[in-house]
Amino acid sequence: MVKRYKPSGESLFTLEKAILQELDHPGTIKFIGECVTPDGRQYFVLKKPTTSRFTLKRLGSALRDFPLSTTKFLNLALQMTSTVHYLHAKLKVLHRDLGVDTWLIHNENVVLADFSKANKL
């Protein structure tokens, strides 16, 4: 999976890259590398979560398309809470954008995928 970084400044690119490189939790996307094209476009290379026959979707659209039982919803909420606790307690990272479209869902597991607004505490 490749994420194009919008041209908003080298320092934001560097900060997001530093946070992505530290991530080591099942509820977060995995950073593989970066590249900058000759014309200055910046990209992150991220490891897409392993999927079987299910399509990787943004959590918001998945919840609209496939309503969840209370048990499955609570399981997702626990996974999300575990991920946010990891960010705060272990990495001292404040995410600042935990909306449903920053999470990806696959096989009833959620992964936090967008760290563009995150900051170190």
PDB file of N, CA and C in Angstrom:
ATOM      1  N   MET A   1       0.849  -1.145   0.000  1.00  0.00           N
ATOM      2  CA  MET A   1       0.000   0.000   0.000  1.00  0.00           C
ATOM      3  C   MET A   1       0.912   1.231   0.000  1.00  0.00           C
ATOM      4  N   VAL A   2       0.601   2.185  -0.842  1.00  0.00           N
ATOM      5  CA  VAL A   2       1.403   3.406  -0.933  1.00  0.00           C
ATOM      6  C   VAL A   2       0.516   4.594  -0.577  1.00  0.00           C
ATOM      7  N   LYS A   3       1.014   5.452   0.286  1.00  0.00           N
ATOM      8  CA  LYS A   3       0.285   6.653   0.676  1.00  0.00           C
ATOM      9  C   LYS A   3       1.049   7.856   0.173  1.00  0.00           C
ATOM     10  N   ARG A   4       0.400   8.673  -0.645  1.00  0.00           N
ATOM     11  CA  ARG A   4       1.034   9.896  -1.103  1.00  0.00           C
ATOM     12  C   ARG A   4       0.901  10.949  -0.026  1.00  0.00           C
ATOM     13  N   TYR A   5       1.997  11.587   0.268  1.00  0.00           N
ATOM     14  CA  TYR A   5       1.990  12.629   1.277  1.00  0.00           C
ATOM     15  C   TYR A   5       1.708  13.955   0.605  1.00  0.00           C
ATOM     16  N   LYS A   6       0.686  14.634   1.072  1.00  0.00           N
ATOM     17  CA  LYS A   6       0.325  15.919   0.474  1.00  0.00           C
ATOM     18  C   LYS A   6       1.374  16.971   0.829  1.00  0.00           C
ATOM     19  N   PRO A   7       1.692  17.836  -0.114  1.00  0.00           N
ATOM     20  CA  PRO A   7       2.752  18.828   0.104  1.00  0.00           C
ATOM     21  C   PRO A   7       2.366  19.863   1.160  1.00  0.00           C
ATOM     22  N   SER A   8       2.627  19.553   2.431  1.00  0.00           N
ATOM     23  CA  SER A   8       2.302  20.504   3.489  1.00  0.00           C
ATOM     24  C   SER A   8       3.515  20.800   4.369  1.00  0.00           C
ATOM     25  N   GLY A   9       4.650  20.377   3.922  1.00  0.00           N
ATOM     26  CA  GLY A   9       5.848  20.713   4.677  1.00  0.00           C
ATOM     27  C   GLY A   9       6.683  19.505   5.032  1.00  0.00           C
ATOM     28  N   GLU A  10       7.986  19.680   4.930  1.00  0.00           N
ATOM     29  CA  GLU A  10       8.943  18.617   5.223  1.00  0.00           C
ATOM     30  C   GLU A  10       8.874  18.186   6.678  1.00  0.00           C
ATOM     31  N   SER A  11       8.638  19.130   7.592  1.00  0.00           N
ATOM     32  CA  SER A  11       8.638  18.768   9.008  1.00  0.00           C
ATOM     33  C   SER A  11       7.480  17.834   9.355  1.00  0.00           C
ATOM     34  N   LEU A  12       6.296  18.024   8.736  1.00  0.00           N
ATOM     35  CA  LEU A  12       5.171  17.125   8.990  1.00  0.00           C
ATOM     36  C   LEU A  12       5.439  15.737   8.422  1.00  0.00           C
ATOM     37  N   PHE A  13       6.046  15.683   7.249  1.00  0.00           N
ATOM     38  CA  PHE A  13       6.425  14.398   6.638  1.00  0.00           C
ATOM     39  C   PHE A  13       7.404  13.668   7.554  1.00  0.00           C
ATOM     40  N   THR A  14       8.386  14.386   8.054  1.00  0.00           N
ATOM     41  CA  THR A  14       9.403  13.799   8.929  1.00  0.00           C
ATOM     42  C   THR A  14       8.787  13.322  10.240  1.00  0.00           C
ATOM     43  N   LEU A  15       7.872  14.100  10.821  1.00  0.00           N
ATOM     44  CA  LEU A  15       7.224  13.716  12.070  1.00  0.00           C
ATOM     45  C   LEU A  15       6.375  12.458  11.874  1.00  0.00           C
ATOM     46  N   GLU A  16       5.551  12.434  10.823  1.00  0.00           N
ATOM     47  CA  GLU A  16       4.724  11.253  10.586  1.00  0.00           C
ATOM     48  C   GLU A  16       5.588  10.027  10.322  1.00  0.00           C
ATOM     49  N   LYS A  17       6.661  10.194   9.570  1.00  0.00           N
ATOM     50  CA  LYS A  17       7.569   9.075   9.305  1.00  0.00           C
ATOM     51  C   LYS A  17       8.175   8.541  10.602  1.00  0.00           C
ATOM     52  N   ALA A  18       8.599   9.439  11.483  1.00  0.00           N
ATOM     53  CA  ALA A  18       9.197   9.015  12.751  1.00  0.00           C
ATOM     54  C   ALA A  18       8.197   8.220  13.585  1.00  0.00           C
ATOM     55  N   ILE A  19       6.944   8.659  13.607  1.00  0.00           N
ATOM     56  CA  ILE A  19       5.916   7.935  14.358  1.00  0.00           C
ATOM     57  C   ILE A  19       5.648   6.582  13.710  1.00  0.00           C
ATOM     58  N   LEU A  20       5.493   6.555  12.394  1.00  0.00           N
ATOM     59  CA  LEU A  20       5.230   5.289  11.692  1.00  0.00           C
ATOM     60  C   LEU A  20       6.342   4.267  11.929  1.00  0.00           C
ATOM     61  N   GLN A  21       7.586   4.721  11.961  1.00  0.00           N
ATOM     62  CA  GLN A  21       8.716   3.810  12.159  1.00  0.00           C
ATOM     63  C   GLN A  21       8.709   3.158  13.539  1.00  0.00           C
ATOM     64  N   GLU A  22       8.115   3.819  14.538  1.00  0.00           N
ATOM     65  CA  GLU A  22       8.092   3.288  15.899  1.00  0.00           C
ATOM     66  C   GLU A  22       6.982   2.268  16.126  1.00  0.00           C
ATOM     67  N   LEU A  23       5.978   2.244  15.275  1.00  0.00           N
ATOM     68  CA  LEU A  23       4.794   1.422  15.517  1.00  0.00           C
ATOM     69  C   LEU A  23       5.116  -0.063  15.511  1.00  0.00           C
ATOM     70  N   ASP A  24       4.636  -0.751  16.542  1.00  0.00           N
ATOM     71  CA  ASP A  24       4.806  -2.199  16.635  1.00  0.00           C
ATOM     72  C   ASP A  24       3.655  -2.769  17.466  1.00  0.00           C
ATOM     73  N   HIS A  25       2.481  -2.766  16.872  1.00  0.00           N
ATOM     74  CA  HIS A  25       1.266  -3.220  17.558  1.00  0.00           C
ATOM     75  C   HIS A  25       0.333  -3.802  16.505  1.00  0.00           C
ATOM     76  N   PRO A  26      -0.393  -4.867  16.817  1.00  0.00           N
ATOM     77  CA  PRO A  26      -1.297  -5.466  15.827  1.00  0.00           C
ATOM     78  C   PRO A  26      -2.381  -4.514  15.343  1.00  0.00           C
ATOM     79  N   GLY A  27      -2.657  -3.459  16.101  1.00  0.00           N
ATOM     80  CA  GLY A  27      -3.696  -2.517  15.718  1.00  0.00           C
ATOM     81  C   GLY A  27      -3.199  -1.317  14.933  1.00  0.00           C
ATOM     82  N   THR A  28      -1.935  -1.353  14.481  1.00  0.00           N
ATOM     83  CA  THR A  28      -1.403  -0.235  13.693  1.00  0.00           C
ATOM     84  C   THR A  28      -0.838  -0.732  12.367  1.00  0.00           C
ATOM     85  N   ILE A  29      -0.855   0.151  11.406  1.00  0.00           N
ATOM     86  CA  ILE A  29      -0.286  -0.134  10.077  1.00  0.00           C
ATOM     87  C   ILE A  29       1.230  -0.288  10.231  1.00  0.00           C
ATOM     88  N   LYS A  30       1.854  -1.026   9.334  1.00  0.00           N
ATOM     89  CA  LYS A  30       3.306  -1.246   9.400  1.00  0.00           C
ATOM     90  C   LYS A  30       4.022  -0.396   8.334  1.00  0.00           C
ATOM     91  N   PHE A  31       5.046   0.331   8.772  1.00  0.00           N
ATOM     92  CA  PHE A  31       5.855   1.176   7.885  1.00  0.00           C
ATOM     93  C   PHE A  31       6.931   0.324   7.219  1.00  0.00           C
ATOM     94  N   ILE A  32       7.050   0.423   5.897  1.00  0.00           N
ATOM     95  CA  ILE A  32       8.096  -0.301   5.174  1.00  0.00           C
ATOM     96  C   ILE A  32       9.193   0.654   4.729  1.00  0.00           C
ATOM     97  N   GLY A  33       8.809   1.806   4.202  1.00  0.00           N
ATOM     98  CA  GLY A  33       9.814   2.754   3.736  1.00  0.00           C
ATOM     99  C   GLY A  33       9.178   4.015   3.185  1.00  0.00           C
ATOM    100  N   GLU A  34       9.992   4.804   2.544  1.00  0.00           N
ATOM    101  CA  GLU A  34       9.542   6.065   1.953  1.00  0.00           C
ATOM    102  C   GLU A  34      10.244   6.264   0.625  1.00  0.00           C
ATOM    103  N   CYS A  35       9.677   7.124  -0.181  1.00  0.00           N
ATOM    104  CA  CYS A  35      10.388   7.514  -1.395  1.00  0.00           C
ATOM    105  C   CYS A  35       9.982   8.932  -1.763  1.00  0.00           C
ATOM    106  N   VAL A  36      10.894   9.630  -2.371  1.00  0.00           N
ATOM    107  CA  VAL A  36      10.645  10.974  -2.865  1.00  0.00           C
ATOM    108  C   VAL A  36      11.014  10.967  -4.336  1.00  0.00           C
ATOM    109  N   THR A  37      10.066  11.346  -5.180  1.00  0.00           N
ATOM    110  CA  THR A  37      10.316  11.357  -6.616  1.00  0.00           C
ATOM    111  C   THR A  37      11.196  12.552  -6.981  1.00  0.00           C
ATOM    112  N   PRO A  38      11.828  12.533  -8.152  1.00  0.00           N
ATOM    113  CA  PRO A  38      12.680  13.658  -8.559  1.00  0.00           C
ATOM    114  C   PRO A  38      11.959  15.007  -8.537  1.00  0.00           C
ATOM    115  N   ASP A  39      10.639  14.988  -8.768  1.00  0.00           N
ATOM    116  CA  ASP A  39       9.907  16.260  -8.745  1.00  0.00           C
ATOM    117  C   ASP A  39       9.403  16.620  -7.339  1.00  0.00           C
ATOM    118  N   GLY A  40       9.833  15.865  -6.300  1.00  0.00           N
ATOM    119  CA  GLY A  40       9.553  16.230  -4.922  1.00  0.00           C
ATOM    120  C   GLY A  40       8.328  15.602  -4.291  1.00  0.00           C
ATOM    121  N   ARG A  41       7.586  14.762  -5.022  1.00  0.00           N
ATOM    122  CA  ARG A  41       6.422  14.111  -4.411  1.00  0.00           C
ATOM    123  C   ARG A  41       6.896  13.063  -3.408  1.00  0.00           C
ATOM    124  N   GLN A  42       6.268  13.060  -2.245  1.00  0.00           N
ATOM    125  CA  GLN A  42       6.691  12.187  -1.154  1.00  0.00           C
ATOM    126  C   GLN A  42       5.653  11.069  -0.952  1.00  0.00           C
ATOM    127  N   TYR A  43       6.168   9.858  -0.709  1.00  0.00           N
ATOM    128  CA  TYR A  43       5.301   8.699  -0.517  1.00  0.00           C
ATOM    129  C   TYR A  43       5.801   7.874   0.664  1.00  0.00           C
ATOM    130  N   PHE A  44       4.848   7.287   1.393  1.00  0.00           N
ATOM    131  CA  PHE A  44       5.158   6.264   2.380  1.00  0.00           C
ATOM    132  C   PHE A  44       4.770   4.926   1.784  1.00  0.00           C
ATOM    133  N   VAL A  45       5.572   3.906   2.030  1.00  0.00           N
ATOM    134  CA  VAL A  45       5.222   2.541   1.642  1.00  0.00           C
ATOM    135  C   VAL A  45       4.833   1.826   2.935  1.00  0.00           C
ATOM    136  N   LEU A  46       3.590   1.356   2.980  1.00  0.00           N
ATOM    137  CA  LEU A  46       3.038   0.741   4.174  1.00  0.00           C
ATOM    138  C   LEU A  46       2.603  -0.681   3.876  1.00  0.00           C
ATOM    139  N   LYS A  47       2.762  -1.559   4.845  1.00  0.00           N
ATOM    140  CA  LYS A  47       2.340  -2.946   4.656  1.00  0.00           C
ATOM    141  C   LYS A  47       0.846  -3.053   4.904  1.00  0.00           C
ATOM    142  N   LYS A  48       0.145  -3.495   3.885  1.00  0.00           N
ATOM    143  CA  LYS A  48      -1.289  -3.695   4.004  1.00  0.00           C
ATOM    144  C   LYS A  48      -1.539  -4.893   4.907  1.00  0.00           C
ATOM    145  N   PRO A  49      -2.514  -4.780   5.816  1.00  0.00           N
ATOM    146  CA  PRO A  49      -2.815  -5.934   6.669  1.00  0.00           C
ATOM    147  C   PRO A  49      -3.158  -7.160   5.829  1.00  0.00           C
ATOM    148  N   THR A  50      -2.767  -8.322   6.317  1.00  0.00           N
ATOM    149  CA  THR A  50      -3.052  -9.561   5.611  1.00  0.00           C
ATOM    150  C   THR A  50      -4.553  -9.774   5.551  1.00  0.00           C
ATOM    151  N   THR A  51      -5.037 -10.054   4.375  1.00  0.00           N
ATOM    152  CA  THR A  51      -6.461 -10.316   4.226  1.00  0.00           C
ATOM    153  C   THR A  51      -6.643 -11.671   3.576  1.00  0.00           C
ATOM    154  N   SER A  52      -7.754 -12.288   3.866  1.00  0.00           N
ATOM    155  CA  SER A  52      -8.069 -13.534   3.173  1.00  0.00           C
ATOM    156  C   SER A  52      -9.015 -13.184   2.046  1.00  0.00           C
ATOM    157  N   ARG A  53     -10.210 -13.700   2.062  1.00  0.00           N
ATOM    158  CA  ARG A  53     -11.137 -13.410   0.980  1.00  0.00           C
ATOM    159  C   ARG A  53     -11.904 -12.113   1.200  1.00  0.00           C
ATOM    160  N   PHE A  54     -11.699 -11.483   2.355  1.00  0.00           N
ATOM    161  CA  PHE A  54     -12.428 -10.269   2.669  1.00  0.00           C
ATOM    162  C   PHE A  54     -11.669  -9.047   2.159  1.00  0.00           C
ATOM    163  N   THR A  55     -12.404  -8.064   1.730  1.00  0.00           N
ATOM    164  CA  THR A  55     -11.810  -6.838   1.225  1.00  0.00           C
ATOM    165  C   THR A  55     -11.449  -5.917   2.385  1.00  0.00           C
ATOM    166  N   LEU A  56     -10.296  -5.322   2.294  1.00  0.00           N
ATOM    167  CA  LEU A  56      -9.870  -4.314   3.263  1.00  0.00           C
ATOM    168  C   LEU A  56     -10.705  -3.067   3.011  1.00  0.00           C
ATOM    169  N   LYS A  57     -11.359  -2.548   4.048  1.00  0.00           N
ATOM    170  CA  LYS A  57     -12.225  -1.378   3.894  1.00  0.00           C
ATOM    171  C   LYS A  57     -11.970  -0.398   5.006  1.00  0.00           C
ATOM    172  N   ARG A  58     -12.323   0.839   4.748  1.00  0.00           N
ATOM    173  CA  ARG A  58     -12.326   1.828   5.821  1.00  0.00           C
ATOM    174  C   ARG A  58     -13.459   1.469   6.774  1.00  0.00           C
ATOM    175  N   LEU A  59     -13.224   1.633   8.057  1.00  0.00           N
ATOM    176  CA  LEU A  59     -14.190   1.225   9.064  1.00  0.00           C
ATOM    177  C   LEU A  59     -15.539   1.908   8.863  1.00  0.00           C
ATOM    178  N   GLY A  60     -15.531   3.190   8.529  1.00  0.00           N
ATOM    179  CA  GLY A  60     -16.796   3.917   8.354  1.00  0.00           C
ATOM    180  C   GLY A  60     -17.683   3.297   7.301  1.00  0.00           C
ATOM    181  N   SER A  61     -17.134   2.996   6.129  1.00  0.00           N
ATOM    182  CA  SER A  61     -17.957   2.398   5.068  1.00  0.00           C
ATOM    183  C   SER A  61     -18.331   0.960   5.408  1.00  0.00           C
ATOM    184  N   ALA A  62     -17.467   0.236   6.102  1.00  0.00           N
ATOM    185  CA  ALA A  62     -17.789  -1.140   6.484  1.00  0.00           C
ATOM    186  C   ALA A  62     -18.967  -1.165   7.457  1.00  0.00           C
ATOM    187  N   LEU A  63     -19.001  -0.239   8.401  1.00  0.00           N
ATOM    188  CA  LEU A  63     -20.104  -0.195   9.355  1.00  0.00           C
ATOM    189  C   LEU A  63     -21.416   0.180   8.686  1.00  0.00           C
ATOM    190  N   ARG A  64     -21.363   1.018   7.665  1.00  0.00           N
ATOM    191  CA  ARG A  64     -22.581   1.366   6.932  1.00  0.00           C
ATOM    192  C   ARG A  64     -23.073   0.184   6.096  1.00  0.00           C
ATOM    193  N   ASP A  65     -22.140  -0.554   5.495  1.00  0.00           N
ATOM    194  CA  ASP A  65     -22.503  -1.657   4.595  1.00  0.00           C
ATOM    195  C   ASP A  65     -22.894  -2.928   5.337  1.00  0.00           C
ATOM    196  N   PHE A  66     -22.268  -3.193   6.476  1.00  0.00           N
ATOM    197  CA  PHE A  66     -22.484  -4.439   7.204  1.00  0.00           C
ATOM    198  C   PHE A  66     -22.659  -4.148   8.698  1.00  0.00           C
ATOM    199  N   PRO A  67     -23.888  -3.916   9.134  1.00  0.00           N
ATOM    200  CA  PRO A  67     -24.107  -3.658  10.566  1.00  0.00           C
ATOM    201  C   PRO A  67     -23.573  -4.814  11.421  1.00  0.00           C
ATOM    202  N   LEU A  68     -23.014  -4.484  12.573  1.00  0.00           N
ATOM    203  CA  LEU A  68     -22.398  -5.479  13.443  1.00  0.00           C
ATOM    204  C   LEU A  68     -23.304  -5.827  14.617  1.00  0.00           C
ATOM    205  N   SER A  69     -23.148  -7.050  15.097  1.00  0.00           N
ATOM    206  CA  SER A  69     -23.821  -7.434  16.332  1.00  0.00           C
ATOM    207  C   SER A  69     -23.153  -6.689  17.477  1.00  0.00           C
ATOM    208  N   THR A  70     -23.817  -6.658  18.610  1.00  0.00           N
ATOM    209  CA  THR A  70     -23.260  -5.993  19.787  1.00  0.00           C
ATOM    210  C   THR A  70     -21.918  -6.601  20.174  1.00  0.00           C
ATOM    211  N   THR A  71     -21.813  -7.914  20.122  1.00  0.00           N
ATOM    212  CA  THR A  71     -20.566  -8.597  20.481  1.00  0.00           C
ATOM    213  C   THR A  71     -19.432  -8.198  19.552  1.00  0.00           C
ATOM    214  N   LYS A  72     -19.681  -8.199  18.251  1.00  0.00           N
ATOM    215  CA  LYS A  72     -18.632  -7.831  17.291  1.00  0.00           C
ATOM    216  C   LYS A  72     -18.260  -6.360  17.436  1.00  0.00           C
ATOM    217  N   PHE A  73     -19.253  -5.506  17.676  1.00  0.00           N
ATOM    218  CA  PHE A  73     -18.980  -4.092  17.860  1.00  0.00           C
ATOM    219  C   PHE A  73     -18.097  -3.864  19.089  1.00  0.00           C
ATOM    220  N   LEU A  74     -18.413  -4.540  20.198  1.00  0.00           N
ATOM    221  CA  LEU A  74     -17.609  -4.402  21.411  1.00  0.00           C
ATOM    222  C   LEU A  74     -16.194  -4.936  21.201  1.00  0.00           C
ATOM    223  N   ASN A  75     -16.046  -6.006  20.429  1.00  0.00           N
ATOM    224  CA  ASN A  75     -14.720  -6.537  20.112  1.00  0.00           C
ATOM    225  C   ASN A  75     -13.894  -5.491  19.352  1.00  0.00           C
ATOM    226  N   LEU A  76     -14.506  -4.835  18.361  1.00  0.00           N
ATOM    227  CA  LEU A  76     -13.800  -3.777  17.626  1.00  0.00           C
ATOM    228  C   LEU A  76     -13.431  -2.629  18.564  1.00  0.00           C
ATOM    229  N   ALA A  77     -14.351  -2.254  19.447  1.00  0.00           N
ATOM    230  CA  ALA A  77     -14.084  -1.164  20.388  1.00  0.00           C
ATOM    231  C   ALA A  77     -12.916  -1.515  21.307  1.00  0.00           C
ATOM    232  N   LEU A  78     -12.843  -2.754  21.769  1.00  0.00           N
ATOM    233  CA  LEU A  78     -11.719  -3.180  22.609  1.00  0.00           C
ATOM    234  C   LEU A  78     -10.394  -3.129  21.843  1.00  0.00           C
ATOM    235  N   GLN A  79     -10.417  -3.539  20.582  1.00  0.00           N
ATOM    236  CA  GLN A  79      -9.199  -3.472  19.765  1.00  0.00           C
ATOM    237  C   GLN A  79      -8.747  -2.026  19.593  1.00  0.00           C
ATOM    238  N   MET A  80      -9.701  -1.140  19.325  1.00  0.00           N
ATOM    239  CA  MET A  80      -9.373   0.265  19.129  1.00  0.00           C
ATOM    240  C   MET A  80      -8.817   0.872  20.423  1.00  0.00           C
ATOM    241  N   THR A  81      -9.426   0.530  21.551  1.00  0.00           N
ATOM    242  CA  THR A  81      -8.957   1.022  22.846  1.00  0.00           C
ATOM    243  C   THR A  81      -7.540   0.539  23.131  1.00  0.00           C
ATOM    244  N   SER A  82      -7.265  -0.721  22.828  1.00  0.00           N
ATOM    245  CA  SER A  82      -5.925  -1.278  23.019  1.00  0.00           C
ATOM    246  C   SER A  82      -4.896  -0.519  22.178  1.00  0.00           C
ATOM    247  N   THR A  83      -5.258  -0.204  20.947  1.00  0.00           N
ATOM    248  CA  THR A  83      -4.344   0.513  20.056  1.00  0.00           C
ATOM    249  C   THR A  83      -4.062   1.923  20.575  1.00  0.00           C
ATOM    250  N   VAL A  84      -5.098   2.629  20.977  1.00  0.00           N
ATOM    251  CA  VAL A  84      -4.921   3.991  21.484  1.00  0.00           C
ATOM    252  C   VAL A  84      -4.120   3.971  22.787  1.00  0.00           C
ATOM    253  N   HIS A  85      -4.375   3.006  23.642  1.00  0.00           N
ATOM    254  CA  HIS A  85      -3.595   2.880  24.886  1.00  0.00           C
ATOM    255  C   HIS A  85      -2.117   2.667  24.561  1.00  0.00           C
ATOM    256  N   TYR A  86      -1.827   1.811  23.594  1.00  0.00           N
ATOM    257  CA  TYR A  86      -0.442   1.577  23.157  1.00  0.00           C
ATOM    258  C   TYR A  86       0.201   2.889  22.700  1.00  0.00           C
ATOM    259  N   LEU A  87      -0.510   3.658  21.882  1.00  0.00           N
ATOM    260  CA  LEU A  87       0.045   4.925  21.384  1.00  0.00           C
ATOM    261  C   LEU A  87       0.364   5.878  22.531  1.00  0.00           C
ATOM    262  N   HIS A  88      -0.565   5.994  23.475  1.00  0.00           N
ATOM    263  CA  HIS A  88      -0.379   6.939  24.581  1.00  0.00           C
ATOM    264  C   HIS A  88       0.663   6.453  25.584  1.00  0.00           C
ATOM    265  N   ALA A  89       0.517   5.214  26.038  1.00  0.00           N
ATOM    266  CA  ALA A  89       1.352   4.713  27.131  1.00  0.00           C
ATOM    267  C   ALA A  89       2.764   4.342  26.687  1.00  0.00           C
ATOM    268  N   LYS A  90       2.894   3.681  25.558  1.00  0.00           N
ATOM    269  CA  LYS A  90       4.209   3.187  25.122  1.00  0.00           C
ATOM    270  C   LYS A  90       4.974   4.204  24.280  1.00  0.00           C
ATOM    271  N   LEU A  91       4.299   4.836  23.327  1.00  0.00           N
ATOM    272  CA  LEU A  91       4.995   5.723  22.395  1.00  0.00           C
ATOM    273  C   LEU A  91       4.857   7.204  22.729  1.00  0.00           C
ATOM    274  N   LYS A  92       3.943   7.525  23.630  1.00  0.00           N
ATOM    275  CA  LYS A  92       3.684   8.931  23.965  1.00  0.00           C
ATOM    276  C   LYS A  92       3.273   9.712  22.714  1.00  0.00           C
ATOM    277  N   VAL A  93       2.338   9.112  21.955  1.00  0.00           N
ATOM    278  CA  VAL A  93       1.828   9.726  20.730  1.00  0.00           C
ATOM    279  C   VAL A  93       0.361  10.075  20.924  1.00  0.00           C
ATOM    280  N   LEU A  94      -0.004  11.300  20.565  1.00  0.00           N
ATOM    281  CA  LEU A  94      -1.386  11.742  20.555  1.00  0.00           C
ATOM    282  C   LEU A  94      -1.839  11.729  19.099  1.00  0.00           C
ATOM    283  N   HIS A  95      -2.839  10.932  18.786  1.00  0.00           N
ATOM    284  CA  HIS A  95      -3.228  10.730  17.387  1.00  0.00           C
ATOM    285  C   HIS A  95      -3.964  11.936  16.800  1.00  0.00           C
ATOM    286  N   ARG A  96      -4.906  12.490  17.478  1.00  0.00           N
ATOM    287  CA  ARG A  96      -5.670  13.689  17.114  1.00  0.00           C
ATOM    288  C   ARG A  96      -6.658  13.521  15.968  1.00  0.00           C
ATOM    289  N   ASP A  97      -6.891  12.307  15.466  1.00  0.00           N
ATOM    290  CA  ASP A  97      -7.872  12.114  14.392  1.00  0.00           C
ATOM    291  C   ASP A  97      -8.347  10.659  14.395  1.00  0.00           C
ATOM    292  N   LEU A  98      -9.113  10.279  15.391  1.00  0.00           N
ATOM    293  CA  LEU A  98      -9.537   8.885  15.525  1.00  0.00           C
ATOM    294  C   LEU A  98     -10.924   8.627  14.925  1.00  0.00           C
ATOM    295  N   GLY A  99     -11.253   9.324  13.852  1.00  0.00           N
ATOM    296  CA  GLY A  99     -12.526   9.094  13.177  1.00  0.00           C
ATOM    297  C   GLY A  99     -12.563   7.733  12.501  1.00  0.00           C
ATOM    298  N   VAL A 100     -13.773   7.316  12.105  1.00  0.00           N
ATOM    299  CA  VAL A 100     -13.931   5.977  11.532  1.00  0.00           C
ATOM    300  C   VAL A 100     -13.169   5.786  10.215  1.00  0.00           C
ATOM    301  N   ASP A 101     -12.845   6.850   9.520  1.00  0.00           N
ATOM    302  CA  ASP A 101     -12.124   6.687   8.252  1.00  0.00           C
ATOM    303  C   ASP A 101     -10.609   6.636   8.406  1.00  0.00           C
ATOM    304  N   THR A 102     -10.094   6.701   9.627  1.00  0.00           N
ATOM    305  CA  THR A 102      -8.654   6.515   9.840  1.00  0.00           C
ATOM    306  C   THR A 102      -8.336   5.071  10.214  1.00  0.00           C
ATOM    307  N   TRP A 103      -9.381   4.257  10.395  1.00  0.00           N
ATOM    308  CA  TRP A 103      -9.227   2.843  10.740  1.00  0.00           C
ATOM    309  C   TRP A 103      -9.582   1.992   9.533  1.00  0.00           C
ATOM    310  N   LEU A 104      -8.845   0.914   9.336  1.00  0.00           N
ATOM    311  CA  LEU A 104      -9.170  -0.082   8.313  1.00  0.00           C
ATOM    312  C   LEU A 104      -9.665  -1.327   9.021  1.00  0.00           C
ATOM    313  N   ILE A 105     -10.581  -2.037   8.379  1.00  0.00           N
ATOM    314  CA  ILE A 105     -11.115  -3.256   8.975  1.00  0.00           C
ATOM    315  C   ILE A 105     -10.892  -4.420   8.020  1.00  0.00           C
ATOM    316  N   HIS A 106     -10.509  -5.557   8.577  1.00  0.00           N
ATOM    317  CA  HIS A 106     -10.379  -6.785   7.809  1.00  0.00           C
ATOM    318  C   HIS A 106     -10.567  -7.958   8.756  1.00  0.00           C
ATOM    319  N   ASN A 107     -11.329  -8.917   8.323  1.00  0.00           N
ATOM    320  CA  ASN A 107     -11.560 -10.124   9.136  1.00  0.00           C
ATOM    321  C   ASN A 107     -11.935  -9.803  10.577  1.00  0.00           C
ATOM    322  N   GLU A 108     -12.774  -8.805  10.767  1.00  0.00           N
ATOM    323  CA  GLU A 108     -13.242  -8.394  12.094  1.00  0.00           C
ATOM    324  C   GLU A 108     -12.123  -7.869  12.994  1.00  0.00           C
ATOM    325  N   ASN A 109     -11.051  -7.393  12.380  1.00  0.00           N
ATOM    326  CA  ASN A 109      -9.958  -6.735  13.104  1.00  0.00           C
ATOM    327  C   ASN A 109      -9.800  -5.325  12.553  1.00  0.00           C
ATOM    328  N   VAL A 110      -9.447  -4.396  13.432  1.00  0.00           N
ATOM    329  CA  VAL A 110      -9.244  -3.016  12.989  1.00  0.00           C
ATOM    330  C   VAL A 110      -7.779  -2.629  13.098  1.00  0.00           C
ATOM    331  N   VAL A 111      -7.351  -1.777  12.173  1.00  0.00           N
ATOM    332  CA  VAL A 111      -5.975  -1.298  12.123  1.00  0.00           C
ATOM    333  C   VAL A 111      -6.020   0.213  11.919  1.00  0.00           C
ATOM    334  N   LEU A 112      -5.325   0.941  12.775  1.00  0.00           N
ATOM    335  CA  LEU A 112      -5.223   2.394  12.642  1.00  0.00           C
ATOM    336  C   LEU A 112      -4.210   2.685  11.547  1.00  0.00           C
ATOM    337  N   ALA A 113      -4.631   3.403  10.510  1.00  0.00           N
ATOM    338  CA  ALA A 113      -3.792   3.502   9.317  1.00  0.00           C
ATOM    339  C   ALA A 113      -3.303   4.908   8.987  1.00  0.00           C
ATOM    340  N   ASP A 114      -3.881   5.948   9.537  1.00  0.00           N
ATOM    341  CA  ASP A 114      -3.508   7.307   9.141  1.00  0.00           C
ATOM    342  C   ASP A 114      -2.956   8.054  10.355  1.00  0.00           C
ATOM    343  N   PHE A 115      -1.702   8.482  10.251  1.00  0.00           N
ATOM    344  CA  PHE A 115      -1.045   9.192  11.342  1.00  0.00           C
ATOM    345  C   PHE A 115      -0.651  10.610  10.943  1.00  0.00           C
ATOM    346  N   SER A 116      -1.312  11.163   9.939  1.00  0.00           N
ATOM    347  CA  SER A 116      -0.921  12.478   9.426  1.00  0.00           C
ATOM    348  C   SER A 116      -1.137  13.607  10.420  1.00  0.00           C
ATOM    349  N   LYS A 117      -2.026  13.448  11.385  1.00  0.00           N
ATOM    350  CA  LYS A 117      -2.269  14.510  12.383  1.00  0.00           C
ATOM    351  C   LYS A 117      -1.693  14.164  13.748  1.00  0.00           C
ATOM    352  N   ALA A 118      -1.001  13.038  13.841  1.00  0.00           N
ATOM    353  CA  ALA A 118      -0.442  12.596  15.126  1.00  0.00           C
ATOM    354  C   ALA A 118       0.728  13.477  15.540  1.00  0.00           C
ATOM    355  N   ASN A 119       0.965  13.493  16.837  1.00  0.00           N
ATOM    356  CA  ASN A 119       2.056  14.286  17.377  1.00  0.00           C
ATOM    357  C   ASN A 119       2.597  13.609  18.618  1.00  0.00           C
ATOM    358  N   LYS A 120       3.866  13.820  18.901  1.00  0.00           N
ATOM    359  CA  LYS A 120       4.476  13.287  20.115  1.00  0.00           C
ATOM    360  C   LYS A 120       4.026  14.139  21.297  1.00  0.00           C
ATOM    361  N   LEU A 121       3.771  13.475  22.425  1.00  0.00           N
ATOM    362  CA  LEU A 121       3.380  14.202  23.646  1.00  0.00           C
ATOM    363  C   LEU A 121       4.605  14.803  24.315  1.00  0.00           C
TER     364      LEU A 121
END
